[in-house]
Amino acid sequence: MKFAGMSPSGRIATRFATWLAPPHKAGTILKTMNPNGYIAPSATIYHSDVRFGANVFIGDRVIIYEAVSGGGPARIGDRVCIYRDSILETGFGGRLTIGPDSAVHPRCQLNAYMGSI
């Protein structure tokens, strides 16, 4: 996890770290091993204005998506955990903020359009 990150080499380092990690919520230990936190290799970040706080956990198959209709910013606070198969989306006029020490549990979907969440 020392070399983990969003770069291609960082994604490879992250994948190696996951091989020995415990499943589900026990895997959040990975977020403490790097100040940038942990973003699962299977997560999709398709957003031009997303900012992550320190020590975040983004689980398997999480999607953070910005619709082409001018989605607003997405802010993920410090020590936030977003568990597997969740979708966070911003669209026209919407913005999304998840405060520090919060959790988004498996298979949740948050869509921010025409307002803030």
C-alpha atoms as a PDB file:
ATOM      1  CA  MET A   1       0.000   0.000   0.000  1.00  0.00           C
ATOM      2  CA  LYS A   2       2.996   2.300   0.311  1.00  0.00           C
ATOM      3  CA  PHE A   3       3.015   2.767  -3.476  1.00  0.00           C
ATOM      4  CA  ALA A   4      -0.756   2.627  -4.035  1.00  0.00           C
ATOM      5  CA  GLY A   5      -2.479   5.392  -5.977  1.00  0.00           C
ATOM      6  CA  MET A   6      -4.394   6.311  -9.124  1.00  0.00           C
ATOM      7  CA  SER A   7      -1.407   6.081 -11.505  1.00  0.00           C
ATOM      8  CA  PRO A   8      -0.961   2.865 -13.517  1.00  0.00           C
ATOM      9  CA  SER A   9       1.851   1.672 -11.229  1.00  0.00           C
ATOM     10  CA  GLY A  10      -0.194   2.699  -8.187  1.00  0.00           C
ATOM     11  CA  ARG A  11      -3.142   0.620  -9.411  1.00  0.00           C
ATOM     12  CA  ILE A  12      -0.845  -2.416  -9.742  1.00  0.00           C
ATOM     13  CA  ALA A  13       0.461  -1.878  -6.188  1.00  0.00           C
ATOM     14  CA  THR A  14      -3.133  -1.644  -4.957  1.00  0.00           C
ATOM     15  CA  ARG A  15      -4.052  -4.907  -6.676  1.00  0.00           C
ATOM     16  CA  PHE A  16      -1.156  -6.690  -4.950  1.00  0.00           C
ATOM     17  CA  ALA A  17      -2.305  -5.349  -1.566  1.00  0.00           C
ATOM     18  CA  THR A  18      -5.809  -6.744  -2.059  1.00  0.00           C
ATOM     19  CA  TRP A  19      -4.619 -10.332  -2.453  1.00  0.00           C
ATOM     20  CA  LEU A  20      -4.077 -10.765   1.287  1.00  0.00           C
ATOM     21  CA  ALA A  21      -6.688  -8.315   2.547  1.00  0.00           C
ATOM     22  CA  PRO A  22      -9.643  -9.558   4.586  1.00  0.00           C
ATOM     23  CA  PRO A  23     -13.131  -9.283   3.029  1.00  0.00           C
ATOM     24  CA  HIS A  24     -15.831  -6.626   3.366  1.00  0.00           C
ATOM     25  CA  LYS A  25     -15.563  -4.244   6.346  1.00  0.00           C
ATOM     26  CA  ALA A  26     -12.415  -5.887   7.684  1.00  0.00           C
ATOM     27  CA  GLY A  27     -10.709  -4.741   4.468  1.00  0.00           C
ATOM     28  CA  THR A  28     -10.984  -1.118   5.564  1.00  0.00           C
ATOM     29  CA  ILE A  29      -7.661  -1.647   7.342  1.00  0.00           C
ATOM     30  CA  LEU A  30      -6.111  -0.938   3.915  1.00  0.00           C
ATOM     31  CA  LYS A  31      -7.172   2.726   4.103  1.00  0.00           C
ATOM     32  CA  THR A  32      -4.871   3.280   7.082  1.00  0.00           C
ATOM     33  CA  MET A  33      -1.783   2.063   5.223  1.00  0.00           C
ATOM     34  CA  ASN A  34      -1.576   5.062   2.884  1.00  0.00           C
ATOM     35  CA  PRO A  35      -2.601   8.705   3.496  1.00  0.00           C
ATOM     36  CA  ASN A  36      -4.443   8.622   0.151  1.00  0.00           C
ATOM     37  CA  GLY A  37      -6.480   5.678   1.407  1.00  0.00           C
ATOM     38  CA  TYR A  38      -7.560   2.690  -0.649  1.00  0.00           C
ATOM     39  CA  ILE A  39      -9.429   2.619  -3.959  1.00  0.00           C
ATOM     40  CA  ALA A  40     -10.230  -0.909  -5.161  1.00  0.00           C
ATOM     41  CA  PRO A  41      -8.827  -1.833  -8.573  1.00  0.00           C
ATOM     42  CA  SER A  42     -12.372  -2.680  -9.700  1.00  0.00           C
ATOM     43  CA  ALA A  43     -13.732   0.767  -8.728  1.00  0.00           C
ATOM     44  CA  THR A  44     -14.613   3.172 -11.546  1.00  0.00           C
ATOM     45  CA  ILE A  45     -13.933   6.884 -11.092  1.00  0.00           C
ATOM     46  CA  TYR A  46     -15.512   8.684 -14.072  1.00  0.00           C
ATOM     47  CA  HIS A  47     -15.757  12.196 -12.681  1.00  0.00           C
ATOM     48  CA  SER A  48     -13.874  15.381 -13.559  1.00  0.00           C
ATOM     49  CA  ASP A  49     -14.317  17.054 -10.163  1.00  0.00           C
ATOM     50  CA  VAL A  50     -14.022  14.462  -7.401  1.00  0.00           C
ATOM     51  CA  ARG A  51     -11.866  15.093  -4.349  1.00  0.00           C
ATOM     52  CA  PHE A  52     -10.950  12.480  -1.786  1.00  0.00           C
ATOM     53  CA  GLY A  53     -10.052  13.192   1.822  1.00  0.00           C
ATOM     54  CA  ALA A  54      -7.336  11.340   3.700  1.00  0.00           C
ATOM     55  CA  ASN A  55      -7.609   7.620   4.437  1.00  0.00           C
ATOM     56  CA  VAL A  56     -10.739   6.885   2.381  1.00  0.00           C
ATOM     57  CA  PHE A  57     -11.894   3.366   1.501  1.00  0.00           C
ATOM     58  CA  ILE A  58     -13.532   2.875  -1.910  1.00  0.00           C
ATOM     59  CA  GLY A  59     -14.644  -0.764  -2.208  1.00  0.00           C
ATOM     60  CA  ASP A  60     -15.058  -3.228  -5.052  1.00  0.00           C
ATOM     61  CA  ARG A  61     -17.110  -2.139  -8.067  1.00  0.00           C
ATOM     62  CA  VAL A  62     -17.961   1.287  -6.631  1.00  0.00           C
ATOM     63  CA  ILE A  63     -18.790   3.810  -9.358  1.00  0.00           C
ATOM     64  CA  ILE A  64     -18.305   7.549  -8.931  1.00  0.00           C
ATOM     65  CA  TYR A  65     -19.866   9.055 -12.044  1.00  0.00           C
ATOM     66  CA  GLU A  66     -20.450  12.494 -13.518  1.00  0.00           C
ATOM     67  CA  ALA A  67     -23.260  12.708 -16.070  1.00  0.00           C
ATOM     68  CA  VAL A  68     -22.462  14.515 -19.298  1.00  0.00           C
ATOM     69  CA  SER A  69     -25.118  17.108 -18.493  1.00  0.00           C
ATOM     70  CA  GLY A  70     -22.780  19.183 -16.325  1.00  0.00           C
ATOM     71  CA  GLY A  71     -22.568  17.319 -13.057  1.00  0.00           C
ATOM     72  CA  GLY A  72     -21.293  19.239 -10.054  1.00  0.00           C
ATOM     73  CA  PRO A  73     -18.471  18.351  -7.683  1.00  0.00           C
ATOM     74  CA  ALA A  74     -18.221  15.218  -5.573  1.00  0.00           C
ATOM     75  CA  ARG A  75     -16.437  15.544  -2.232  1.00  0.00           C
ATOM     76  CA  ILE A  76     -15.517  12.492  -0.190  1.00  0.00           C
ATOM     77  CA  GLY A  77     -14.375  13.441   3.329  1.00  0.00           C
ATOM     78  CA  ASP A  78     -11.606  12.048   5.511  1.00  0.00           C
ATOM     79  CA  ARG A  79     -11.930   8.421   6.649  1.00  0.00           C
ATOM     80  CA  VAL A  80     -15.073   7.784   4.568  1.00  0.00           C
ATOM     81  CA  CYS A  81     -15.874   4.167   3.641  1.00  0.00           C
ATOM     82  CA  ILE A  82     -17.878   3.440   0.494  1.00  0.00           C
ATOM     83  CA  TYR A  83     -18.602  -0.271   0.319  1.00  0.00           C
ATOM     84  CA  ARG A  84     -18.984  -2.532  -2.711  1.00  0.00           C
ATOM     85  CA  ASP A  85     -21.388  -1.999  -5.599  1.00  0.00           C
ATOM     86  CA  SER A  86     -22.399   1.534  -4.550  1.00  0.00           C
ATOM     87  CA  ILE A  87     -23.002   4.263  -7.135  1.00  0.00           C
ATOM     88  CA  LEU A  88     -22.431   7.968  -6.509  1.00  0.00           C
ATOM     89  CA  GLU A  89     -23.542  10.206  -9.370  1.00  0.00           C
ATOM     90  CA  THR A  90     -23.772  13.930 -10.033  1.00  0.00           C
ATOM     91  CA  GLY A  91     -25.695  15.515 -12.876  1.00  0.00           C
ATOM     92  CA  PHE A  92     -26.994  18.899 -13.972  1.00  0.00           C
ATOM     93  CA  GLY A  93     -27.051  21.295 -11.020  1.00  0.00           C
ATOM     94  CA  GLY A  94     -26.191  18.622  -8.470  1.00  0.00           C
ATOM     95  CA  ARG A  95     -23.347  18.277  -6.011  1.00  0.00           C
ATOM     96  CA  LEU A  96     -22.467  15.494  -3.615  1.00  0.00           C
ATOM     97  CA  THR A  97     -20.664  15.768  -0.276  1.00  0.00           C
ATOM     98  CA  ILE A  98     -20.003  12.892   2.096  1.00  0.00           C
ATOM     99  CA  GLY A  99     -18.710  14.187   5.415  1.00  0.00           C
ATOM    100  CA  PRO A 100     -15.801  12.807   7.433  1.00  0.00           C
ATOM    101  CA  ASP A 101     -16.115   9.454   9.204  1.00  0.00           C
ATOM    102  CA  SER A 102     -19.231   8.488   7.204  1.00  0.00           C
ATOM    103  CA  ALA A 103     -20.057   5.194   5.508  1.00  0.00           C
ATOM    104  CA  VAL A 104     -22.063   4.328   2.401  1.00  0.00           C
ATOM    105  CA  HIS A 105     -23.115   0.700   2.708  1.00  0.00           C
ATOM    106  CA  PRO A 106     -23.224  -1.929  -0.076  1.00  0.00           C
ATOM    107  CA  ARG A 107     -25.412  -1.343  -3.119  1.00  0.00           C
ATOM    108  CA  CYS A 108     -26.456   2.197  -2.182  1.00  0.00           C
ATOM    109  CA  GLN A 109     -27.125   4.634  -4.986  1.00  0.00           C
ATOM    110  CA  LEU A 110     -26.866   8.400  -4.483  1.00  0.00           C
ATOM    111  CA  ASN A 111     -27.842  10.639  -7.431  1.00  0.00           C
ATOM    112  CA  ALA A 112     -27.431  14.395  -7.064  1.00  0.00           C
ATOM    113  CA  TYR A 113     -29.296  16.344  -9.764  1.00  0.00           C
ATOM    114  CA  MET A 114     -30.734  19.862  -9.438  1.00  0.00           C
ATOM    115  CA  GLY A 115     -29.598  20.090  -5.809  1.00  0.00           C
ATOM    116  CA  SER A 116     -27.134  18.955  -3.197  1.00  0.00           C
ATOM    117  CA  ILE A 117     -26.763  15.778  -1.210  1.00  0.00           C
END
